[in-house]
């Protein structure tokens, strides 16, 4: 009977070790590395857009990356110039929790404006955001250089 208990302990130990090996380093609350796979930020019904007639939104994607030592939400906005002249765009992103970010595309004029038919993008960090927003207001206007 003593051999049976020893064998049972060994089998339980091996099964527990196999279970931990198969589960890897997963822990409750962990999330996959979203920085490798950007995806849609919000559903189209929760995205309110106010876009200038000269601009076309090509992409709005989210990912989580380290910014100033903290894992935080980043939104990448890609804009296409659909006008007949070069443009510079002002982007404003407002989240449902009151946070906001924005800037100019292109950020600098050293390489010129966004040419007709061309696209440009920029990635905006949202400090202390560890989850995707439920609603987003995206405003894209033209800006005089």
Protein backbone atom coordinates (compact mmCIF):
# COMPACT_ATOMS: atom_id res chain seq x y z
CA UNK A 1 0.00 0.00 0.00
CA UNK A 2 2.91 2.32 0.71
CA UNK A 3 4.15 1.87 -2.89
CA UNK A 4 0.67 2.80 -4.19
CA UNK A 5 0.72 6.12 -2.26
CA UNK A 6 4.21 6.92 -3.58
CA UNK A 7 3.14 6.15 -7.14
CA UNK A 8 0.00 8.30 -6.71
CA UNK A 9 2.05 11.25 -5.42
CA UNK A 10 4.45 10.96 -8.37
CA UNK A 11 1.60 10.80 -10.91
CA UNK A 12 -0.12 13.85 -9.37
CA UNK A 13 3.17 15.76 -9.35
CA UNK A 14 3.84 14.91 -13.03
CA UNK A 15 0.32 15.94 -14.05
CA UNK A 16 0.62 19.23 -12.15
CA UNK A 17 3.99 19.94 -13.75
CA UNK A 18 2.59 19.15 -17.21
CA UNK A 19 -0.36 21.49 -16.59
CA UNK A 20 1.94 24.35 -15.57
CA UNK A 21 4.18 23.70 -18.56
CA UNK A 22 1.24 23.80 -20.97
CA UNK A 23 -0.20 26.98 -19.46
CA UNK A 24 3.10 28.81 -19.84
CA UNK A 25 3.38 32.13 -18.05
CA UNK A 26 -0.30 32.97 -18.27
CA UNK A 27 -1.76 34.70 -15.27
CA UNK A 28 -5.15 36.22 -14.58
CA UNK A 29 -5.48 39.69 -16.04
CA UNK A 30 -2.59 39.32 -18.47
CA UNK A 31 -3.18 40.51 -22.00
CA UNK A 32 -1.49 39.50 -25.23
CA UNK A 33 1.22 41.70 -26.65
CA UNK A 34 -1.09 44.04 -28.55
CA UNK A 35 1.86 46.09 -29.78
CA UNK A 36 2.55 43.34 -32.30
CA UNK A 37 -0.99 43.20 -33.67
CA UNK A 38 -2.70 46.56 -34.03
CA UNK A 39 -6.46 46.37 -34.38
CA UNK A 40 -9.57 48.44 -34.58
CA UNK A 41 -9.97 50.79 -31.61
CA UNK A 42 -13.73 50.95 -31.35
CA UNK A 43 -16.69 49.62 -33.24
CA UNK A 44 -17.84 51.84 -36.12
CA UNK A 45 -21.07 52.67 -34.24
CA UNK A 46 -19.02 54.11 -31.35
CA UNK A 47 -16.73 56.18 -33.59
CA UNK A 48 -17.97 59.72 -34.17
CA UNK A 49 -16.10 61.31 -37.10
CA UNK A 50 -15.82 64.96 -38.07
CA UNK A 51 -13.54 64.90 -41.12
CA UNK A 52 -12.73 67.74 -43.51
CA UNK A 53 -13.77 67.24 -47.16
CA UNK A 54 -10.07 67.31 -48.18
CA UNK A 55 -9.25 64.30 -45.97
CA UNK A 56 -10.13 60.63 -45.95
CA UNK A 57 -9.56 58.45 -42.88
CA UNK A 58 -7.55 55.43 -44.01
CA UNK A 59 -6.97 53.77 -40.64
CA UNK A 60 -7.53 54.17 -36.94
CA UNK A 61 -5.79 51.39 -35.05
CA UNK A 62 -4.90 50.78 -31.42
CA UNK A 63 -2.01 49.05 -29.75
CA UNK A 64 -0.41 48.94 -26.33
CA UNK A 65 3.23 49.98 -26.13
CA UNK A 66 5.61 51.25 -23.50
CA UNK A 67 5.68 55.03 -23.25
CA UNK A 68 7.77 56.74 -20.58
CA UNK A 69 8.17 53.37 -18.85
CA UNK A 70 4.44 52.57 -18.68
CA UNK A 71 2.38 50.26 -20.89
CA UNK A 72 -0.14 52.61 -22.48
CA UNK A 73 -2.65 52.93 -25.31
CA UNK A 74 -1.42 54.27 -28.67
CA UNK A 75 -3.76 55.26 -31.50
CA UNK A 76 -2.43 55.42 -35.03
CA UNK A 77 -4.31 57.69 -37.43
CA UNK A 78 -3.67 57.45 -41.17
CA UNK A 79 -5.07 60.23 -43.37
CA UNK A 80 -5.21 60.46 -47.17
CA UNK A 81 -5.22 63.80 -48.99
CA UNK A 82 -8.12 63.64 -51.47
CA UNK A 83 -7.89 67.27 -52.54
CA UNK A 84 -6.09 68.68 -55.55
CA UNK A 85 -3.48 70.61 -53.55
CA UNK A 86 -0.94 69.68 -50.84
CA UNK A 87 -2.41 69.76 -47.32
CA UNK A 88 -1.50 69.67 -43.65
CA UNK A 89 -4.04 68.11 -41.31
CA UNK A 90 -4.88 68.78 -37.67
CA UNK A 91 -6.01 65.65 -35.81
CA UNK A 92 -7.90 65.68 -32.50
CA UNK A 93 -8.91 62.48 -30.70
CA UNK A 94 -11.34 62.66 -27.77
CA UNK A 95 -12.04 59.58 -25.63
CA UNK A 96 -15.15 58.81 -23.61
CA UNK A 97 -13.26 59.17 -20.31
CA UNK A 98 -12.22 62.79 -21.01
CA UNK A 99 -8.70 62.09 -22.25
CA UNK A 100 -7.64 63.67 -25.52
CA UNK A 101 -4.65 63.80 -27.85
CA UNK A 102 -3.83 65.33 -31.18
CA UNK A 103 -1.40 67.09 -33.40
CA UNK A 104 -0.47 67.89 -36.97
CA UNK A 105 0.12 65.54 -39.89
CA UNK A 106 2.79 65.96 -41.07
CA UNK A 107 4.30 66.96 -37.74
CA UNK A 108 7.07 68.94 -39.43
CA UNK A 109 7.18 70.84 -42.71
CA UNK A 110 10.81 69.94 -43.48
CA UNK A 111 9.64 67.17 -45.84
CA UNK A 112 6.71 69.18 -47.14
CA UNK A 113 2.95 68.72 -47.00
CA UNK A 114 0.85 65.64 -47.78
CA UNK A 115 0.66 65.57 -51.58
CA UNK A 116 -2.65 64.98 -53.39
CA UNK A 117 -3.49 61.28 -53.39
CA UNK A 118 -0.83 60.50 -50.75
CA UNK A 119 -1.26 59.31 -47.18
CA UNK A 120 0.47 60.14 -43.92
CA UNK A 121 0.06 58.85 -40.40
CA UNK A 122 1.04 59.48 -36.81
CA UNK A 123 0.73 57.51 -33.58
CA UNK A 124 -0.69 59.31 -30.54
CA UNK A 125 -0.04 57.99 -27.00
CA UNK A 126 -2.70 58.24 -24.29
CA UNK A 127 -1.01 58.31 -20.90
CA UNK A 128 -2.36 56.08 -18.15
CA UNK A 129 -4.74 54.27 -20.51
CA UNK A 130 -4.57 50.51 -20.01
CA UNK A 131 -7.79 49.64 -21.86
CA UNK A 132 -9.34 50.51 -25.18
CA UNK A 133 -11.94 53.29 -25.09
CA UNK A 134 -15.63 52.54 -25.50
CA UNK A 135 -16.29 55.67 -27.61
CA UNK A 136 -14.06 57.94 -29.68
CA UNK A 137 -14.59 61.31 -31.33
CA UNK A 138 -12.13 61.86 -34.18
CA UNK A 139 -11.82 65.30 -35.71
CA UNK A 140 -9.62 65.95 -38.76
CA UNK A 141 -9.38 69.45 -40.20
CA UNK A 142 -7.00 71.18 -42.59
CA UNK A 143 -4.35 73.49 -41.26
CA UNK A 144 -2.66 76.33 -43.07
CA UNK A 145 1.12 75.79 -43.20
